[in-house]
Amino acid sequence: MPGKGVPTVQDYKLCVMGDGGVGKSCLTVQYTQGRFLDYYDPTIEDTYRKQVDVDDIPCMLEILDTAGQEQFESMRDMYMRDGMGFVLVYSIIEKSSIQGLSGLRNNIVKVKDTEDIPMVIVGNKCDLEEKRAVSKEEGQNQAKEWDAEFFEASAKEKINVNEIFTRLIQLIREKQDRNKPPPTKKGGRCSIL
């Protein structure tokens, strides 16, 4: 039993999803290890763990960096079932990558059987402004439609990387608070001793 005033470490399972090549691994490695992967090695599935404090509460994050390739779709239902929060990543330089998020989000909703899902939409590679194919407004509108948070980020320049995961933890906590049963009133009589 933790000592009085020592907060218990809370566990969170997060999933990072999106098409292949959008920078899911780069974002995850930048966040968990503080380094940028400057080569592309298609991921099958990697899990990263990191302990952080979010709003002064210690958290142990288990971050699943999922495969973007279609041949691994059969594993996705399992990720979606276990995940508490989702980072859906597209590349601002690849129009089709934002369009691919709709199918992912629909599958998450189907597997979770709810629309109330902590989710952050991330337009990655914002350091490549000169190659932009997806406007910031498109990303913002997509996030608004899905009642999700939105960030543009750069794993390479470490722009908004920490903020993405911090906000996702806050969204998970907000959902947990919404779903807590109301406190029960304890019946009984007052006794005067």
C-alpha atoms as a PDB file:
ATOM      1  CA  MET A   1       0.000   0.000   0.000  1.00  0.00           C
ATOM      2  CA  PRO A   2       1.537   3.347  -1.026  1.00  0.00           C
ATOM      3  CA  GLY A   3       2.369   5.822   1.685  1.00  0.00           C
ATOM      4  CA  LYS A   4       0.022   8.670   2.404  1.00  0.00           C
ATOM      5  CA  GLY A   5       0.378  11.405  -0.201  1.00  0.00           C
ATOM      6  CA  VAL A   6       2.313   9.204  -2.656  1.00  0.00           C
ATOM      7  CA  PRO A   7       0.226   8.864  -5.822  1.00  0.00           C
ATOM      8  CA  THR A   8      -0.173   5.418  -7.323  1.00  0.00           C
ATOM      9  CA  VAL A   9       1.329   4.914 -10.784  1.00  0.00           C
ATOM     10  CA  GLN A  10      -1.473   4.664 -13.342  1.00  0.00           C
ATOM     11  CA  ASP A  11      -1.093   2.360 -16.365  1.00  0.00           C
ATOM     12  CA  TYR A  12      -2.156   3.436 -19.849  1.00  0.00           C
ATOM     13  CA  LYS A  13      -2.201   1.440 -23.086  1.00  0.00           C
ATOM     14  CA  LEU A  14      -1.901   3.705 -26.110  1.00  0.00           C
ATOM     15  CA  CYS A  15      -1.960   2.845 -29.811  1.00  0.00           C
ATOM     16  CA  VAL A  16      -0.236   4.811 -32.550  1.00  0.00           C
ATOM     17  CA  MET A  17      -1.894   4.065 -35.888  1.00  0.00           C
ATOM     18  CA  GLY A  18      -1.895   5.296 -39.479  1.00  0.00           C
ATOM     19  CA  ASP A  19      -0.713   4.417 -42.976  1.00  0.00           C
ATOM     20  CA  GLY A  20       2.806   3.147 -43.592  1.00  0.00           C
ATOM     21  CA  GLY A  21       5.488   5.831 -43.838  1.00  0.00           C
ATOM     22  CA  VAL A  22       3.619   8.629 -42.024  1.00  0.00           C
ATOM     23  CA  GLY A  23       6.071   8.699 -39.112  1.00  0.00           C
ATOM     24  CA  LYS A  24       4.379   6.644 -36.391  1.00  0.00           C
ATOM     25  CA  SER A  25       7.649   5.052 -35.274  1.00  0.00           C
ATOM     26  CA  CYS A  26       9.501   8.366 -35.494  1.00  0.00           C
ATOM     27  CA  LEU A  27       6.956  10.053 -33.215  1.00  0.00           C
ATOM     28  CA  THR A  28       6.965   7.149 -30.764  1.00  0.00           C
ATOM     29  CA  VAL A  29      10.758   6.823 -30.597  1.00  0.00           C
ATOM     30  CA  GLN A  30      11.197  10.595 -30.311  1.00  0.00           C
ATOM     31  CA  TYR A  31       8.763  10.601 -27.385  1.00  0.00           C
ATOM     32  CA  THR A  32      10.051   7.518 -25.570  1.00  0.00           C
ATOM     33  CA  GLN A  33      13.787   7.730 -26.342  1.00  0.00           C
ATOM     34  CA  GLY A  34      14.411  11.338 -27.376  1.00  0.00           C
ATOM     35  CA  ARG A  35      15.935  10.491 -30.734  1.00  0.00           C
ATOM     36  CA  PHE A  36      14.893  10.753 -34.376  1.00  0.00           C
ATOM     37  CA  LEU A  37      14.906   7.742 -36.694  1.00  0.00           C
ATOM     38  CA  ASP A  38      16.328   9.057 -39.952  1.00  0.00           C
ATOM     39  CA  TYR A  39      15.660   5.863 -41.881  1.00  0.00           C
ATOM     40  CA  TYR A  40      12.427   4.072 -42.721  1.00  0.00           C
ATOM     41  CA  ASP A  41      12.145   0.496 -41.570  1.00  0.00           C
ATOM     42  CA  PRO A  42       8.571  -0.776 -41.899  1.00  0.00           C
ATOM     43  CA  THR A  43       7.237  -1.730 -38.477  1.00  0.00           C
ATOM     44  CA  ILE A  44       5.384  -4.950 -37.805  1.00  0.00           C
ATOM     45  CA  GLU A  45       4.660  -4.059 -34.199  1.00  0.00           C
ATOM     46  CA  ASP A  46       6.781  -2.495 -31.481  1.00  0.00           C
ATOM     47  CA  THR A  47       5.888  -1.763 -27.892  1.00  0.00           C
ATOM     48  CA  TYR A  48       7.547   1.009 -25.925  1.00  0.00           C
ATOM     49  CA  ARG A  49       7.264   1.750 -22.223  1.00  0.00           C
ATOM     50  CA  LYS A  50       7.814   5.090 -20.583  1.00  0.00           C
ATOM     51  CA  GLN A  51       7.097   6.447 -17.135  1.00  0.00           C
ATOM     52  CA  VAL A  52       6.057  10.097 -17.060  1.00  0.00           C
ATOM     53  CA  ASP A  53       4.183  12.492 -14.824  1.00  0.00           C
ATOM     54  CA  VAL A  54       1.072  14.043 -16.336  1.00  0.00           C
ATOM     55  CA  ASP A  55      -0.481  16.761 -14.199  1.00  0.00           C
ATOM     56  CA  ASP A  56       1.703  15.613 -11.279  1.00  0.00           C
ATOM     57  CA  ILE A  57       0.367  12.046 -11.450  1.00  0.00           C
ATOM     58  CA  PRO A  58       2.866   9.286 -12.310  1.00  0.00           C
ATOM     59  CA  CYS A  59       1.901   7.215 -15.347  1.00  0.00           C
ATOM     60  CA  MET A  60       3.365   4.090 -16.911  1.00  0.00           C
ATOM     61  CA  LEU A  61       2.684   4.222 -20.626  1.00  0.00           C
ATOM     62  CA  GLU A  62       2.673   1.192 -22.851  1.00  0.00           C
ATOM     63  CA  ILE A  63       2.732   2.559 -26.382  1.00  0.00           C
ATOM     64  CA  LEU A  64       2.021   0.195 -29.228  1.00  0.00           C
ATOM     65  CA  ASP A  65       3.507   1.362 -32.518  1.00  0.00           C
ATOM     66  CA  THR A  66       1.385  -0.526 -35.025  1.00  0.00           C
ATOM     67  CA  ALA A  67       2.080  -1.653 -38.563  1.00  0.00           C
ATOM     68  CA  GLY A  68       0.809   0.612 -41.304  1.00  0.00           C
ATOM     69  CA  GLN A  69       0.920  -2.053 -43.982  1.00  0.00           C
ATOM     70  CA  GLU A  70      -2.339  -3.671 -45.032  1.00  0.00           C
ATOM     71  CA  GLN A  71      -1.034  -7.223 -44.580  1.00  0.00           C
ATOM     72  CA  PHE A  72      -1.091  -6.690 -40.804  1.00  0.00           C
ATOM     73  CA  GLU A  73      -4.741  -5.615 -40.574  1.00  0.00           C
ATOM     74  CA  SER A  74      -5.705  -8.841 -38.777  1.00  0.00           C
ATOM     75  CA  MET A  75      -3.714  -7.724 -35.711  1.00  0.00           C
ATOM     76  CA  ARG A  76      -5.480  -4.365 -35.529  1.00  0.00           C
ATOM     77  CA  ASP A  77      -8.663  -5.558 -33.817  1.00  0.00           C
ATOM     78  CA  MET A  78      -6.571  -6.812 -30.918  1.00  0.00           C
ATOM     79  CA  TYR A  79      -4.768  -3.445 -30.615  1.00  0.00           C
ATOM     80  CA  MET A  80      -8.068  -1.611 -30.764  1.00  0.00           C
ATOM     81  CA  ARG A  81      -9.688  -3.764 -28.090  1.00  0.00           C
ATOM     82  CA  ASP A  82      -6.819  -3.267 -25.642  1.00  0.00           C
ATOM     83  CA  GLY A  83      -6.015   0.371 -26.381  1.00  0.00           C
ATOM     84  CA  MET A  84      -7.261   3.053 -23.990  1.00  0.00           C
ATOM     85  CA  GLY A  85      -6.356   5.936 -26.282  1.00  0.00           C
ATOM     86  CA  PHE A  86      -5.337   6.358 -29.897  1.00  0.00           C
ATOM     87  CA  VAL A  87      -2.955   8.571 -31.829  1.00  0.00           C
ATOM     88  CA  LEU A  88      -4.043   8.554 -35.494  1.00  0.00           C
ATOM     89  CA  VAL A  89      -1.184   9.843 -37.627  1.00  0.00           C
ATOM     90  CA  TYR A  90      -1.136  11.129 -41.187  1.00  0.00           C
ATOM     91  CA  SER A  91       1.586  12.887 -43.134  1.00  0.00           C
ATOM     92  CA  ILE A  92       0.923  16.475 -44.204  1.00  0.00           C
ATOM     93  CA  ILE A  93       2.845  15.729 -47.426  1.00  0.00           C
ATOM     94  CA  GLU A  94       0.683  12.756 -48.437  1.00  0.00           C
ATOM     95  CA  LYS A  95      -3.006  13.429 -49.147  1.00  0.00           C
ATOM     96  CA  SER A  96      -4.032   9.756 -49.123  1.00  0.00           C
ATOM     97  CA  SER A  97      -2.716   9.305 -45.577  1.00  0.00           C
ATOM     98  CA  ILE A  98      -5.424  11.524 -44.021  1.00  0.00           C
ATOM     99  CA  GLN A  99      -8.072   9.746 -46.073  1.00  0.00           C
ATOM    100  CA  GLY A 100      -6.830   6.416 -44.670  1.00  0.00           C
ATOM    101  CA  LEU A 101      -7.659   7.496 -41.123  1.00  0.00           C
ATOM    102  CA  SER A 102     -11.428   7.191 -41.686  1.00  0.00           C
ATOM    103  CA  GLY A 103     -11.265   3.410 -42.016  1.00  0.00           C
ATOM    104  CA  LEU A 104      -9.075   3.130 -38.918  1.00  0.00           C
ATOM    105  CA  ARG A 105     -11.350   5.328 -36.846  1.00  0.00           C
ATOM    106  CA  ASN A 106     -14.453   3.433 -38.027  1.00  0.00           C
ATOM    107  CA  ASN A 107     -12.823   0.122 -37.035  1.00  0.00           C
ATOM    108  CA  ILE A 108     -11.899   1.484 -33.594  1.00  0.00           C
ATOM    109  CA  VAL A 109     -15.494   2.641 -33.028  1.00  0.00           C
ATOM    110  CA  LYS A 110     -16.792  -0.758 -34.171  1.00  0.00           C
ATOM    111  CA  VAL A 111     -14.418  -2.751 -31.950  1.00  0.00           C
ATOM    112  CA  LYS A 112     -14.930  -0.475 -28.927  1.00  0.00           C
ATOM    113  CA  ASP A 113     -18.692  -0.223 -29.593  1.00  0.00           C
ATOM    114  CA  THR A 114     -18.686   3.453 -28.628  1.00  0.00           C
ATOM    115  CA  GLU A 115     -17.956   6.863 -30.127  1.00  0.00           C
ATOM    116  CA  ASP A 116     -16.498   8.046 -26.796  1.00  0.00           C
ATOM    117  CA  ILE A 117     -12.871   7.220 -27.547  1.00  0.00           C
ATOM    118  CA  PRO A 118      -9.864   9.267 -26.392  1.00  0.00           C
ATOM    119  CA  MET A 119      -8.206  10.150 -29.684  1.00  0.00           C
ATOM    120  CA  VAL A 120      -5.645  12.580 -31.036  1.00  0.00           C
ATOM    121  CA  ILE A 121      -5.301  13.261 -34.771  1.00  0.00           C
ATOM    122  CA  VAL A 122      -1.733  14.170 -35.745  1.00  0.00           C
ATOM    123  CA  GLY A 123      -0.571  15.756 -38.993  1.00  0.00           C
ATOM    124  CA  ASN A 124       3.087  14.701 -38.899  1.00  0.00           C
ATOM    125  CA  LYS A 125       6.045  16.130 -40.847  1.00  0.00           C
ATOM    126  CA  CYS A 126       5.031  19.770 -40.381  1.00  0.00           C
ATOM    127  CA  ASP A 127       8.708  20.648 -40.863  1.00  0.00           C
ATOM    128  CA  LEU A 128       8.181  19.873 -44.583  1.00  0.00           C
ATOM    129  CA  GLU A 129       5.890  22.870 -45.165  1.00  0.00           C
ATOM    130  CA  GLU A 130       7.137  23.363 -48.734  1.00  0.00           C
ATOM    131  CA  LYS A 131       5.808  19.874 -49.659  1.00  0.00           C
ATOM    132  CA  ARG A 132       2.458  20.251 -47.871  1.00  0.00           C
ATOM    133  CA  ALA A 133      -0.451  18.393 -49.508  1.00  0.00           C
ATOM    134  CA  VAL A 134      -2.915  18.484 -46.568  1.00  0.00           C
ATOM    135  CA  SER A 135      -3.899  21.852 -45.109  1.00  0.00           C
ATOM    136  CA  LYS A 136      -3.953  22.395 -41.375  1.00  0.00           C
ATOM    137  CA  GLU A 137      -7.676  23.187 -41.678  1.00  0.00           C
ATOM    138  CA  GLU A 138      -8.353  19.752 -43.215  1.00  0.00           C
ATOM    139  CA  GLY A 139      -6.750  18.084 -40.208  1.00  0.00           C
ATOM    140  CA  GLN A 140      -8.570  20.357 -37.756  1.00  0.00           C
ATOM    141  CA  ASN A 141     -11.911  19.726 -39.477  1.00  0.00           C
ATOM    142  CA  GLN A 142     -11.379  15.961 -39.433  1.00  0.00           C
ATOM    143  CA  ALA A 143     -10.557  16.037 -35.721  1.00  0.00           C
ATOM    144  CA  LYS A 144     -13.585  18.232 -34.980  1.00  0.00           C
ATOM    145  CA  GLU A 145     -15.879  15.865 -36.895  1.00  0.00           C
ATOM    146  CA  TRP A 146     -14.629  12.962 -34.767  1.00  0.00           C
ATOM    147  CA  ASP A 147     -14.596  14.939 -31.501  1.00  0.00           C
ATOM    148  CA  ALA A 148     -10.845  14.364 -31.274  1.00  0.00           C
ATOM    149  CA  GLU A 149      -7.910  16.608 -30.435  1.00  0.00           C
ATOM    150  CA  PHE A 150      -5.637  17.847 -33.211  1.00  0.00           C
ATOM    151  CA  PHE A 151      -1.933  18.597 -33.459  1.00  0.00           C
ATOM    152  CA  GLU A 152       0.493  19.162 -36.263  1.00  0.00           C
ATOM    153  CA  ALA A 153       3.842  17.709 -35.301  1.00  0.00           C
ATOM    154  CA  SER A 154       7.353  17.014 -36.436  1.00  0.00           C
ATOM    155  CA  ALA A 155       9.170  14.041 -34.983  1.00  0.00           C
ATOM    156  CA  LYS A 156      12.356  15.330 -36.604  1.00  0.00           C
ATOM    157  CA  GLU A 157      12.144  18.813 -35.051  1.00  0.00           C
ATOM    158  CA  LYS A 158      10.420  17.531 -31.870  1.00  0.00           C
ATOM    159  CA  ILE A 159       7.429  19.826 -32.426  1.00  0.00           C
ATOM    160  CA  ASN A 160       4.361  18.904 -30.304  1.00  0.00           C
ATOM    161  CA  VAL A 161       5.630  15.361 -29.688  1.00  0.00           C
ATOM    162  CA  ASN A 162       5.308  15.463 -25.887  1.00  0.00           C
ATOM    163  CA  GLU A 163       2.083  17.461 -26.123  1.00  0.00           C
ATOM    164  CA  ILE A 164       0.372  14.725 -28.179  1.00  0.00           C
ATOM    165  CA  PHE A 165       0.889  12.043 -25.554  1.00  0.00           C
ATOM    166  CA  THR A 166       0.238  14.339 -22.585  1.00  0.00           C
ATOM    167  CA  ARG A 167      -3.094  15.408 -24.073  1.00  0.00           C
ATOM    168  CA  LEU A 168      -4.063  11.808 -24.835  1.00  0.00           C
ATOM    169  CA  ILE A 169      -3.499  10.833 -21.186  1.00  0.00           C
ATOM    170  CA  GLN A 170      -5.662  13.792 -20.111  1.00  0.00           C
ATOM    171  CA  LEU A 171      -8.426  12.687 -22.516  1.00  0.00           C
ATOM    172  CA  ILE A 172      -8.325   9.139 -21.111  1.00  0.00           C
ATOM    173  CA  ARG A 173      -8.656  10.504 -17.578  1.00  0.00           C
ATOM    174  CA  GLU A 174     -11.549  12.741 -18.617  1.00  0.00           C
ATOM    175  CA  LYS A 175     -13.347   9.710 -20.056  1.00  0.00           C
ATOM    176  CA  GLN A 176     -12.663   7.696 -16.893  1.00  0.00           C
ATOM    177  CA  ASP A 177     -14.110  10.535 -14.803  1.00  0.00           C
ATOM    178  CA  ARG A 178     -17.231  10.685 -17.017  1.00  0.00           C
ATOM    179  CA  ASN A 179     -17.750   6.941 -16.641  1.00  0.00           C
ATOM    180  CA  LYS A 180     -17.321   6.762 -12.878  1.00  0.00           C
ATOM    181  CA  PRO A 181     -20.499   5.726 -11.104  1.00  0.00           C
ATOM    182  CA  PRO A 182     -21.970   8.495  -8.989  1.00  0.00           C
ATOM    183  CA  PRO A 183     -21.053   8.297  -5.329  1.00  0.00           C
ATOM    184  CA  THR A 184     -23.567   6.379  -3.281  1.00  0.00           C
ATOM    185  CA  LYS A 185     -25.174   7.944  -0.258  1.00  0.00           C
ATOM    186  CA  LYS A 186     -24.508   6.029   2.865  1.00  0.00           C
ATOM    187  CA  GLY A 187     -27.633   5.513   4.868  1.00  0.00           C
ATOM    188  CA  GLY A 188     -27.721   5.367   8.603  1.00  0.00           C
ATOM    189  CA  ARG A 189     -28.510   7.356  11.633  1.00  0.00           C
ATOM    190  CA  CYS A 190     -26.462   9.734  13.644  1.00  0.00           C
ATOM    191  CA  SER A 191     -25.559   8.540  17.069  1.00  0.00           C
ATOM    192  CA  ILE A 192     -24.756  10.828  19.922  1.00  0.00           C
ATOM    193  CA  LEU A 193     -22.239   9.267  22.252  1.00  0.00           C
END
